[in-house]
């Protein structure tokens, strides 16, 4: 368990891996926030627990989205040369990621404003919060789409953990030593005697020929 935690810590210290791990957090919190926002709509915006839980989730998602954009900038420094076809997707992904926190924070604020007294104000801010939440889902989905294209289509960020071994290094590698199996001396002696008896019997059989065959009779 301690080894796994140490390996996880070392992996997260590498910017591309840290960014790949962080991108899922704002998406997860925003999706959960949208679900609670729909439940808040079903209650007519009267549930204070759903209201403040939803607002907190979207504000938390906004903060995580901002931190994720910072990790993305750090990961960009570790990228190899990007092809022209991938450069456009990289720019769009970077721009969407840098500003993703804005609609998320706006959705949280609009949700909190549903606490204002008066039915028109509550339903008005609730409708705006719902539209903003749906807009956030599309924004994050588009951001994730460009990120997926960079990795799975253009292979951007793949192989940044280290250089592949050269052919000389591969040729100098030796196969690992195989473990030796210790056989008890008594069993080894018995096995050797059995093999020796079989060999002696086989040699004696080959040297003996039938008498009919030596006289030329069939």
Protein backbone atom coordinates (compact mmCIF):
# COMPACT_ATOMS: atom_id res chain seq x y z
CA UNK A 1 0.00 0.00 0.00
CA UNK A 2 2.83 2.38 0.87
CA UNK A 3 4.55 1.52 -2.43
CA UNK A 4 1.36 2.30 -4.39
CA UNK A 5 0.99 5.67 -2.68
CA UNK A 6 4.63 6.48 -3.43
CA UNK A 7 4.21 5.50 -7.09
CA UNK A 8 1.05 7.61 -7.31
CA UNK A 9 2.84 10.59 -5.80
CA UNK A 10 5.74 10.23 -8.22
CA UNK A 11 3.35 9.95 -11.18
CA UNK A 12 1.39 13.06 -10.16
CA UNK A 13 4.66 14.97 -9.95
CA UNK A 14 4.90 14.64 -13.75
CA UNK A 15 2.83 17.49 -15.31
CA UNK A 16 1.24 15.52 -18.21
CA UNK A 17 0.04 12.76 -15.87
CA UNK A 18 -1.16 15.30 -13.30
CA UNK A 19 -3.16 17.14 -15.96
CA UNK A 20 -4.68 13.89 -17.27
CA UNK A 21 -5.81 13.04 -13.75
CA UNK A 22 -7.19 16.50 -12.91
CA UNK A 23 -9.32 16.97 -16.03
CA UNK A 24 -11.89 14.47 -14.75
CA UNK A 25 -12.63 16.29 -11.50
CA UNK A 26 -14.40 19.44 -12.80
CA UNK A 27 -16.38 17.29 -15.23
CA UNK A 28 -17.56 14.99 -12.44
CA UNK A 29 -18.54 17.83 -10.08
CA UNK A 30 -20.32 19.74 -12.86
CA UNK A 31 -22.30 16.63 -13.87
CA UNK A 32 -23.35 16.05 -10.27
CA UNK A 33 -24.23 19.72 -9.92
CA UNK A 34 -26.45 19.59 -13.01
CA UNK A 35 -28.26 16.56 -11.57
CA UNK A 36 -28.93 18.39 -8.30
CA UNK A 37 -30.04 21.44 -10.28
CA UNK A 38 -32.69 19.35 -12.01
CA UNK A 39 -33.85 18.05 -8.62
CA UNK A 40 -33.99 21.64 -7.37
CA UNK A 41 -36.20 22.48 -10.34
CA UNK A 42 -38.57 19.67 -9.39
CA UNK A 43 -38.95 21.16 -5.92
CA UNK A 44 -39.77 24.54 -7.40
CA UNK A 45 -36.53 25.98 -6.05
CA UNK A 46 -37.79 25.73 -2.47
CA UNK A 47 -35.21 23.22 -1.14
CA UNK A 48 -32.46 25.16 0.62
CA UNK A 49 -30.35 22.01 0.96
CA UNK A 50 -30.40 21.35 -2.81
CA UNK A 51 -29.85 25.03 -3.57
CA UNK A 52 -26.68 25.46 -1.55
CA UNK A 53 -25.35 21.99 -2.38
CA UNK A 54 -25.74 22.71 -6.08
CA UNK A 55 -24.16 26.14 -5.82
CA UNK A 56 -21.23 24.70 -3.85
CA UNK A 57 -20.67 21.94 -6.42
CA UNK A 58 -20.54 24.36 -9.35
CA UNK A 59 -18.24 26.76 -7.51
CA UNK A 60 -15.99 23.84 -6.56
CA UNK A 61 -16.00 22.69 -10.19
CA UNK A 62 -15.01 26.22 -11.23
CA UNK A 63 -12.04 26.21 -8.86
CA UNK A 64 -10.94 22.77 -10.05
CA UNK A 65 -11.29 23.85 -13.68
CA UNK A 66 -9.01 26.81 -13.02
CA UNK A 67 -6.39 24.57 -11.37
CA UNK A 68 -6.70 22.11 -14.25
CA UNK A 69 -5.96 24.87 -16.75
CA UNK A 70 -2.79 25.70 -14.81
CA UNK A 71 -1.75 22.04 -14.89
CA UNK A 72 -2.40 22.02 -18.63
CA UNK A 73 -0.01 24.91 -19.16
CA UNK A 74 2.65 23.02 -17.21
CA UNK A 75 2.00 19.88 -19.27
CA UNK A 76 2.36 21.84 -22.51
CA UNK A 77 6.00 22.52 -21.67
CA UNK A 78 6.68 18.77 -21.74
CA UNK A 79 5.16 18.18 -25.17
CA UNK A 80 7.28 17.25 -28.12
CA UNK A 81 6.94 19.05 -31.45
CA UNK A 82 3.25 19.23 -32.34
CA UNK A 83 2.16 18.61 -35.91
CA UNK A 84 0.25 21.29 -37.83
CA UNK A 85 -2.94 19.20 -37.81
CA UNK A 86 -2.81 18.88 -34.02
CA UNK A 87 -1.85 22.51 -33.39
CA UNK A 88 -5.38 23.78 -34.08
CA UNK A 89 -6.94 21.27 -31.70
CA UNK A 90 -4.33 22.15 -29.10
CA UNK A 91 -5.12 25.87 -29.32
CA UNK A 92 -8.87 25.28 -29.07
CA UNK A 93 -8.44 22.87 -26.16
CA UNK A 94 -6.19 25.35 -24.38
CA UNK A 95 -8.60 28.26 -24.86
CA UNK A 96 -11.65 26.29 -23.74
CA UNK A 97 -9.79 24.97 -20.71
CA UNK A 98 -8.56 28.39 -19.61
CA UNK A 99 -12.09 29.86 -19.57
CA UNK A 100 -14.09 26.85 -18.40
CA UNK A 101 -14.21 28.17 -14.85
CA UNK A 102 -16.23 31.23 -15.90
CA UNK A 103 -19.53 29.53 -16.90
CA UNK A 104 -19.16 27.11 -14.00
CA UNK A 105 -18.83 29.95 -11.51
CA UNK A 106 -21.72 31.81 -13.16
CA UNK A 107 -23.93 28.75 -12.77
CA UNK A 108 -23.08 28.53 -9.09
CA UNK A 109 -23.86 32.20 -8.53
CA UNK A 110 -27.16 31.98 -10.40
CA UNK A 111 -28.12 28.96 -8.34
CA UNK A 112 -27.37 30.84 -5.12
CA UNK A 113 -29.53 33.76 -6.30
CA UNK A 114 -32.58 31.49 -6.30
CA UNK A 115 -32.66 32.16 -2.55
CA UNK A 116 -33.97 35.66 -3.27
CA UNK A 117 -37.52 36.22 -1.99
CA UNK A 118 -40.36 36.31 -4.45
CA UNK A 119 -41.60 33.64 -6.81
CA UNK A 120 -40.71 35.42 -10.08
CA UNK A 121 -37.13 36.05 -8.98
CA UNK A 122 -36.67 32.48 -7.77
CA UNK A 123 -37.99 30.89 -10.94
CA UNK A 124 -36.17 33.40 -13.12
CA UNK A 125 -32.77 32.69 -11.60
CA UNK A 126 -33.55 28.98 -11.52
CA UNK A 127 -34.24 28.97 -15.26
CA UNK A 128 -31.05 30.93 -15.93
CA UNK A 129 -29.04 28.56 -13.72
CA UNK A 130 -30.44 25.55 -15.58
CA UNK A 131 -29.55 27.04 -18.96
CA UNK A 132 -26.07 27.92 -17.67
CA UNK A 133 -25.63 24.37 -16.34
CA UNK A 134 -26.53 22.89 -19.72
CA UNK A 135 -24.14 25.34 -21.37
CA UNK A 136 -21.38 24.21 -18.98
CA UNK A 137 -21.99 20.60 -19.96
CA UNK A 138 -21.53 21.44 -23.63
CA UNK A 139 -18.45 23.55 -22.89
CA UNK A 140 -16.77 20.78 -20.91
CA UNK A 141 -17.77 18.15 -23.46
CA UNK A 142 -16.20 20.19 -26.27
CA UNK A 143 -13.06 20.72 -24.22
CA UNK A 144 -12.80 17.00 -23.50
CA UNK A 145 -13.40 16.24 -27.19
CA UNK A 146 -10.43 18.32 -28.27
CA UNK A 147 -8.31 16.78 -25.53
CA UNK A 148 -9.27 13.30 -26.67
CA UNK A 149 -8.37 14.14 -30.26
CA UNK A 150 -4.96 15.35 -29.15
CA UNK A 151 -4.20 12.09 -27.35
CA UNK A 152 -5.97 9.39 -29.36
CA UNK A 153 -5.83 10.87 -32.87
CA UNK A 154 -2.64 12.96 -32.92
CA UNK A 155 -0.80 11.10 -30.11
CA UNK A 156 0.09 14.38 -28.41
CA UNK A 157 1.57 13.78 -24.97
CA UNK A 158 2.16 10.08 -25.62
CA UNK A 159 5.65 8.94 -24.70
CA UNK A 160 6.61 11.99 -22.66
CA UNK A 161 7.64 9.97 -19.60
CA UNK A 162 11.01 9.08 -21.05
CA UNK A 163 12.93 8.29 -24.18
CA UNK A 164 12.67 4.88 -25.76
CA UNK A 165 15.78 2.72 -25.37
CA UNK A 166 18.17 2.80 -28.32
CA UNK A 167 19.05 -0.23 -30.38
CA UNK A 168 22.51 -0.40 -28.78
CA UNK A 169 20.99 -0.52 -25.32
CA UNK A 170 18.56 -3.17 -26.45
CA UNK A 171 21.41 -5.28 -27.87
CA UNK A 172 23.41 -5.05 -24.67
CA UNK A 173 20.58 -6.33 -22.57
CA UNK A 174 21.02 -9.80 -21.16
CA UNK A 175 18.30 -12.17 -20.21
CA UNK A 176 17.70 -12.50 -16.48
CA UNK A 177 19.27 -15.43 -14.70
CA UNK A 178 16.89 -18.31 -14.32
CA UNK A 179 16.44 -19.65 -10.81
CA UNK A 180 18.29 -22.86 -10.00
CA UNK A 181 16.34 -25.81 -8.67
CA UNK A 182 18.08 -27.76 -5.97
CA UNK A 183 17.58 -31.51 -6.14
CA UNK A 184 18.28 -33.64 -3.07
CA UNK A 185 21.43 -35.77 -3.44
CA UNK A 186 19.62 -39.06 -2.78
CA UNK A 187 16.99 -38.42 -5.46
CA UNK A 188 19.65 -37.27 -7.91
CA UNK A 189 21.66 -40.47 -7.36
CA UNK A 190 18.61 -42.66 -7.92
CA UNK A 191 17.73 -40.80 -11.10
CA UNK A 192 21.29 -41.14 -12.40
CA UNK A 193 21.34 -44.88 -11.73
CA UNK A 194 18.02 -45.33 -13.52
CA UNK A 195 19.25 -43.46 -16.59
CA UNK A 196 22.52 -45.43 -16.63
CA UNK A 197 20.62 -48.75 -16.49
CA UNK A 198 18.45 -47.74 -19.46
CA UNK A 199 21.51 -46.77 -21.50
CA UNK A 200 23.33 -50.06 -20.76
CA UNK A 201 20.27 -52.10 -21.65
CA UNK A 202 19.86 -50.20 -24.93
CA UNK A 203 23.52 -50.78 -25.90
CA UNK A 204 23.33 -54.50 -25.13
CA UNK A 205 20.20 -54.85 -27.26
CA UNK A 206 21.89 -53.19 -30.22
CA UNK A 207 24.96 -55.46 -30.08
CA UNK A 208 22.94 -58.69 -29.98
CA UNK A 209 21.71 -59.86 -33.41
CA UNK A 210 19.51 -62.89 -34.14
CA UNK A 211 21.31 -66.08 -35.32
CA UNK A 212 19.05 -66.35 -38.33
CA UNK A 213 19.98 -62.94 -39.45
CA UNK A 214 23.75 -63.73 -39.16
CA UNK A 215 23.42 -66.84 -41.39
CA UNK A 216 21.58 -64.88 -44.02
CA UNK A 217 18.33 -66.82 -43.41
CA UNK A 218 15.16 -64.77 -43.31
